[in-house]
Amino acid sequence: MDDGGTRWLDAAEESSLPEGKGRSVEIGGRRFALFRLGGKFHAIDDTCPHRGAPLGAGWVENGEVFCPMHGWAFDPTTGSCSTRPDRPVKSHPTKVEGGRVWIGVAG
């Protein structure tokens, strides 16, 4: 689905991701970390910039996602990294339609 320069990718069934949890999803050769927090879905690039661990396999605590390998902390809404502010990951918009979660990517 294309929407004014944003390409929307079908990522997951809405009911398949419990509150406070995340997981990795691969769509068209790209990997995203998808999280459900506060009733909303958030998507960031799945690869930690430190050592490449999958952020979708990390844990969520106090609104931050922690890398499963070395514990770097990321804001799932913006991609900013509180451990190393100079090493953020890209965040992506999400929407829910027809019980499906969609991730928006530029282009």
N, C-alpha and C. Protein backbone atom coordinates (compact mmCIF):
# COMPACT_ATOMS: atom_id res chain seq x y z
N MET A 1 0.85 -1.17 0.00
CA MET A 1 0.00 0.00 0.00
C MET A 1 0.90 1.24 0.00
N ASP A 2 0.58 2.23 -0.83
CA ASP A 2 1.37 3.46 -0.94
C ASP A 2 0.49 4.63 -0.55
N ASP A 3 1.04 5.56 0.24
CA ASP A 3 0.26 6.67 0.75
C ASP A 3 1.10 7.94 0.73
N GLY A 4 1.12 8.67 -0.39
CA GLY A 4 1.82 9.94 -0.47
C GLY A 4 3.29 9.87 -0.13
N GLY A 5 4.03 8.95 -0.71
CA GLY A 5 5.45 8.85 -0.44
C GLY A 5 5.80 7.87 0.66
N THR A 6 4.81 7.44 1.44
CA THR A 6 5.04 6.42 2.46
C THR A 6 4.49 5.11 1.94
N ARG A 7 5.31 4.10 1.97
CA ARG A 7 4.90 2.75 1.58
C ARG A 7 4.56 2.00 2.86
N TRP A 8 3.34 1.46 2.94
CA TRP A 8 2.88 0.76 4.14
C TRP A 8 3.03 -0.73 3.96
N LEU A 9 3.73 -1.36 4.91
CA LEU A 9 4.03 -2.79 4.86
C LEU A 9 3.21 -3.52 5.92
N ASP A 10 2.55 -4.58 5.51
CA ASP A 10 1.75 -5.40 6.41
C ASP A 10 2.70 -6.17 7.33
N ALA A 11 2.65 -5.86 8.63
CA ALA A 11 3.65 -6.40 9.56
C ALA A 11 3.16 -7.55 10.44
N ALA A 12 1.92 -7.46 10.93
CA ALA A 12 1.48 -8.47 11.90
C ALA A 12 -0.01 -8.36 12.15
N GLU A 13 -0.56 -9.44 12.67
CA GLU A 13 -1.94 -9.43 13.18
C GLU A 13 -1.92 -8.63 14.49
N GLU A 14 -2.84 -7.69 14.63
CA GLU A 14 -2.88 -6.83 15.82
C GLU A 14 -2.92 -7.65 17.11
N SER A 15 -3.72 -8.70 17.13
CA SER A 15 -3.89 -9.50 18.35
C SER A 15 -2.69 -10.39 18.66
N SER A 16 -1.71 -10.47 17.75
CA SER A 16 -0.59 -11.39 17.96
C SER A 16 0.52 -10.80 18.84
N LEU A 17 0.43 -9.51 19.15
CA LEU A 17 1.48 -8.89 19.96
C LEU A 17 0.88 -8.36 21.26
N PRO A 18 1.19 -8.98 22.38
CA PRO A 18 0.63 -8.55 23.67
C PRO A 18 1.21 -7.20 24.13
N GLU A 19 0.47 -6.55 24.97
CA GLU A 19 0.90 -5.28 25.57
C GLU A 19 2.22 -5.47 26.31
N GLY A 20 3.13 -4.50 26.12
CA GLY A 20 4.41 -4.51 26.82
C GLY A 20 5.45 -5.44 26.21
N LYS A 21 5.15 -5.99 25.04
CA LYS A 21 6.06 -6.94 24.40
C LYS A 21 6.48 -6.43 23.02
N GLY A 22 7.54 -7.05 22.50
CA GLY A 22 8.01 -6.73 21.17
C GLY A 22 8.47 -7.98 20.46
N ARG A 23 8.71 -7.84 19.18
CA ARG A 23 9.25 -8.94 18.40
C ARG A 23 9.83 -8.41 17.10
N SER A 24 10.65 -9.22 16.49
CA SER A 24 11.24 -8.88 15.19
C SER A 24 10.30 -9.35 14.09
N VAL A 25 10.19 -8.53 13.05
CA VAL A 25 9.43 -8.93 11.86
C VAL A 25 10.29 -8.62 10.64
N GLU A 26 10.22 -9.50 9.66
CA GLU A 26 10.94 -9.28 8.41
C GLU A 26 9.92 -9.12 7.30
N ILE A 27 10.04 -8.03 6.55
CA ILE A 27 9.12 -7.74 5.47
C ILE A 27 9.94 -7.32 4.26
N GLY A 28 9.85 -8.07 3.20
CA GLY A 28 10.56 -7.73 1.97
C GLY A 28 12.06 -7.57 2.15
N GLY A 29 12.65 -8.39 3.00
CA GLY A 29 14.10 -8.33 3.21
C GLY A 29 14.55 -7.30 4.22
N ARG A 30 13.62 -6.54 4.80
CA ARG A 30 13.96 -5.57 5.86
C ARG A 30 13.47 -6.08 7.19
N ARG A 31 14.27 -5.81 8.24
CA ARG A 31 13.90 -6.24 9.59
C ARG A 31 13.51 -5.04 10.44
N PHE A 32 12.40 -5.21 11.16
CA PHE A 32 11.89 -4.18 12.05
C PHE A 32 11.66 -4.80 13.43
N ALA A 33 11.78 -3.98 14.46
CA ALA A 33 11.39 -4.38 15.81
C ALA A 33 10.05 -3.71 16.07
N LEU A 34 9.03 -4.49 16.36
CA LEU A 34 7.67 -4.00 16.55
C LEU A 34 7.28 -4.19 18.01
N PHE A 35 6.75 -3.13 18.63
CA PHE A 35 6.39 -3.16 20.04
C PHE A 35 4.98 -2.64 20.25
N ARG A 36 4.32 -3.16 21.28
CA ARG A 36 3.00 -2.67 21.68
C ARG A 36 3.14 -2.13 23.10
N LEU A 37 3.03 -0.81 23.21
CA LEU A 37 3.21 -0.14 24.50
C LEU A 37 2.12 0.91 24.68
N GLY A 38 1.45 0.87 25.82
CA GLY A 38 0.39 1.84 26.08
C GLY A 38 -0.75 1.74 25.08
N GLY A 39 -0.98 0.53 24.56
CA GLY A 39 -2.04 0.32 23.60
C GLY A 39 -1.72 0.76 22.19
N LYS A 40 -0.50 1.25 21.96
CA LYS A 40 -0.08 1.71 20.63
C LYS A 40 1.07 0.86 20.14
N PHE A 41 1.20 0.80 18.81
CA PHE A 41 2.29 0.06 18.19
C PHE A 41 3.40 1.02 17.78
N HIS A 42 4.64 0.56 17.92
CA HIS A 42 5.81 1.35 17.57
C HIS A 42 6.78 0.45 16.82
N ALA A 43 7.45 1.03 15.81
CA ALA A 43 8.40 0.25 15.03
C ALA A 43 9.72 1.01 14.91
N ILE A 44 10.80 0.29 15.11
CA ILE A 44 12.15 0.83 14.91
C ILE A 44 12.94 -0.20 14.11
N ASP A 45 14.07 0.22 13.54
CA ASP A 45 14.93 -0.74 12.88
C ASP A 45 15.34 -1.79 13.90
N ASP A 46 15.46 -3.02 13.46
CA ASP A 46 15.66 -4.15 14.38
C ASP A 46 17.10 -4.36 14.81
N THR A 47 18.05 -3.72 14.18
CA THR A 47 19.46 -4.00 14.45
C THR A 47 20.07 -2.97 15.40
N CYS A 48 20.57 -3.43 16.53
CA CYS A 48 21.26 -2.54 17.47
C CYS A 48 22.56 -2.05 16.81
N PRO A 49 22.83 -0.74 16.87
CA PRO A 49 24.04 -0.22 16.23
C PRO A 49 25.33 -0.62 16.95
N HIS A 50 25.22 -1.19 18.14
CA HIS A 50 26.43 -1.58 18.88
C HIS A 50 27.05 -2.84 18.29
N ARG A 51 26.31 -3.96 18.34
CA ARG A 51 26.86 -5.24 17.87
C ARG A 51 25.88 -6.01 16.98
N GLY A 52 24.81 -5.34 16.53
CA GLY A 52 23.91 -5.95 15.56
C GLY A 52 22.85 -6.88 16.11
N ALA A 53 22.63 -6.89 17.41
CA ALA A 53 21.63 -7.78 18.00
C ALA A 53 20.22 -7.34 17.58
N PRO A 54 19.27 -8.29 17.52
CA PRO A 54 17.90 -7.95 17.15
C PRO A 54 17.16 -7.28 18.31
N LEU A 55 16.78 -6.03 18.13
CA LEU A 55 16.11 -5.29 19.21
C LEU A 55 14.74 -5.86 19.53
N GLY A 56 14.10 -6.49 18.56
CA GLY A 56 12.80 -7.12 18.81
C GLY A 56 12.87 -8.25 19.82
N ALA A 57 14.05 -8.78 20.06
CA ALA A 57 14.25 -9.85 21.04
C ALA A 57 14.61 -9.28 22.41
N GLY A 58 14.69 -7.95 22.51
CA GLY A 58 15.04 -7.32 23.78
C GLY A 58 13.86 -7.27 24.74
N TRP A 59 14.08 -6.67 25.89
CA TRP A 59 13.02 -6.55 26.89
C TRP A 59 12.61 -5.09 27.01
N VAL A 60 11.38 -4.88 27.48
CA VAL A 60 10.81 -3.55 27.64
C VAL A 60 10.69 -3.26 29.13
N GLU A 61 11.17 -2.09 29.51
CA GLU A 61 11.12 -1.67 30.91
C GLU A 61 11.03 -0.15 30.96
N ASN A 62 10.05 0.37 31.70
CA ASN A 62 9.87 1.81 31.88
C ASN A 62 9.85 2.57 30.55
N GLY A 63 9.18 1.99 29.55
CA GLY A 63 9.03 2.66 28.27
C GLY A 63 10.23 2.61 27.36
N GLU A 64 11.26 1.87 27.74
CA GLU A 64 12.44 1.73 26.89
C GLU A 64 12.62 0.27 26.49
N VAL A 65 13.25 0.08 25.35
CA VAL A 65 13.58 -1.25 24.85
C VAL A 65 15.07 -1.46 25.07
N PHE A 66 15.42 -2.59 25.65
CA PHE A 66 16.82 -2.89 25.95
C PHE A 66 17.33 -3.98 25.03
N CYS A 67 18.47 -3.72 24.42
CA CYS A 67 19.10 -4.68 23.53
C CYS A 67 19.40 -5.97 24.31
N PRO A 68 19.07 -7.13 23.72
CA PRO A 68 19.28 -8.39 24.44
C PRO A 68 20.75 -8.77 24.60
N MET A 69 21.65 -8.14 23.85
CA MET A 69 23.05 -8.53 23.92
C MET A 69 23.82 -7.77 25.00
N HIS A 70 23.74 -6.44 24.99
CA HIS A 70 24.51 -5.65 25.95
C HIS A 70 23.71 -4.60 26.69
N GLY A 71 22.38 -4.59 26.50
CA GLY A 71 21.51 -3.74 27.30
C GLY A 71 21.42 -2.28 26.90
N TRP A 72 21.86 -1.91 25.71
CA TRP A 72 21.66 -0.53 25.29
C TRP A 72 20.17 -0.23 25.29
N ALA A 73 19.79 0.98 25.72
CA ALA A 73 18.39 1.35 25.86
C ALA A 73 17.94 2.29 24.75
N PHE A 74 16.78 1.97 24.15
CA PHE A 74 16.22 2.75 23.05
C PHE A 74 14.78 3.14 23.35
N ASP A 75 14.40 4.32 22.87
CA ASP A 75 13.02 4.77 22.94
C ASP A 75 12.30 4.21 21.71
N PRO A 76 11.31 3.33 21.89
CA PRO A 76 10.66 2.73 20.73
C PRO A 76 9.80 3.72 19.94
N THR A 77 9.53 4.89 20.49
CA THR A 77 8.72 5.87 19.76
C THR A 77 9.56 6.76 18.86
N THR A 78 10.84 6.95 19.19
CA THR A 78 11.68 7.87 18.42
C THR A 78 12.95 7.21 17.87
N GLY A 79 13.35 6.09 18.45
CA GLY A 79 14.59 5.43 18.07
C GLY A 79 15.82 5.98 18.78
N SER A 80 15.64 7.00 19.62
CA SER A 80 16.80 7.56 20.33
C SER A 80 17.37 6.55 21.32
N CYS A 81 18.66 6.66 21.55
CA CYS A 81 19.37 5.73 22.42
C CYS A 81 19.86 6.50 23.66
N SER A 82 19.34 6.14 24.83
CA SER A 82 19.77 6.85 26.05
C SER A 82 21.15 6.37 26.51
N THR A 83 21.57 5.19 26.09
CA THR A 83 22.90 4.69 26.44
C THR A 83 23.97 5.43 25.67
N ARG A 84 23.74 5.61 24.37
CA ARG A 84 24.65 6.31 23.48
C ARG A 84 23.83 7.22 22.58
N PRO A 85 23.58 8.46 23.00
CA PRO A 85 22.73 9.36 22.21
C PRO A 85 23.20 9.57 20.77
N ASP A 86 24.48 9.30 20.50
CA ASP A 86 25.01 9.46 19.14
C ASP A 86 24.75 8.23 18.27
N ARG A 87 24.04 7.21 18.79
CA ARG A 87 23.82 5.97 18.05
C ARG A 87 22.33 5.57 18.02
N PRO A 88 21.45 6.45 17.53
CA PRO A 88 20.02 6.09 17.47
C PRO A 88 19.74 5.07 16.36
N VAL A 89 18.54 4.53 16.38
CA VAL A 89 18.04 3.72 15.28
C VAL A 89 16.86 4.46 14.67
N LYS A 90 16.53 4.12 13.44
CA LYS A 90 15.43 4.80 12.75
C LYS A 90 14.09 4.29 13.27
N SER A 91 13.17 5.23 13.50
CA SER A 91 11.81 4.85 13.88
C SER A 91 10.91 4.96 12.64
N HIS A 92 9.81 4.23 12.67
CA HIS A 92 8.89 4.18 11.54
C HIS A 92 7.46 4.34 12.05
N PRO A 93 6.62 5.06 11.30
CA PRO A 93 5.22 5.20 11.72
C PRO A 93 4.50 3.86 11.61
N THR A 94 3.45 3.71 12.41
CA THR A 94 2.62 2.51 12.35
C THR A 94 1.16 2.93 12.30
N LYS A 95 0.33 2.02 11.83
CA LYS A 95 -1.12 2.21 11.88
C LYS A 95 -1.76 0.84 11.94
N VAL A 96 -2.99 0.82 12.43
CA VAL A 96 -3.75 -0.42 12.51
C VAL A 96 -4.98 -0.26 11.62
N GLU A 97 -5.15 -1.20 10.71
CA GLU A 97 -6.32 -1.22 9.83
C GLU A 97 -6.75 -2.66 9.63
N GLY A 98 -8.04 -2.90 9.80
CA GLY A 98 -8.57 -4.24 9.57
C GLY A 98 -7.94 -5.31 10.43
N GLY A 99 -7.54 -4.94 11.66
CA GLY A 99 -6.93 -5.91 12.56
C GLY A 99 -5.47 -6.23 12.26
N ARG A 100 -4.89 -5.50 11.32
CA ARG A 100 -3.48 -5.70 10.94
C ARG A 100 -2.67 -4.48 11.33
N VAL A 101 -1.41 -4.70 11.72
CA VAL A 101 -0.49 -3.61 12.02
C VAL A 101 0.36 -3.38 10.77
N TRP A 102 0.46 -2.11 10.38
CA TRP A 102 1.22 -1.71 9.19
C TRP A 102 2.37 -0.81 9.62
N ILE A 103 3.52 -0.97 8.99
CA ILE A 103 4.69 -0.15 9.25
C ILE A 103 4.95 0.69 7.99
N GLY A 104 5.13 2.00 8.20
CA GLY A 104 5.37 2.91 7.10
C GLY A 104 6.86 3.14 6.85
N VAL A 105 7.26 3.06 5.60
CA VAL A 105 8.65 3.35 5.22
C VAL A 105 8.65 4.39 4.10
N ALA A 106 9.63 5.24 4.10
CA ALA A 106 9.72 6.28 3.08
C ALA A 106 9.98 5.65 1.72
N GLY A 107 9.37 6.25 0.71
CA GLY A 107 9.64 5.83 -0.67
C GLY A 107 8.63 4.90 -1.14
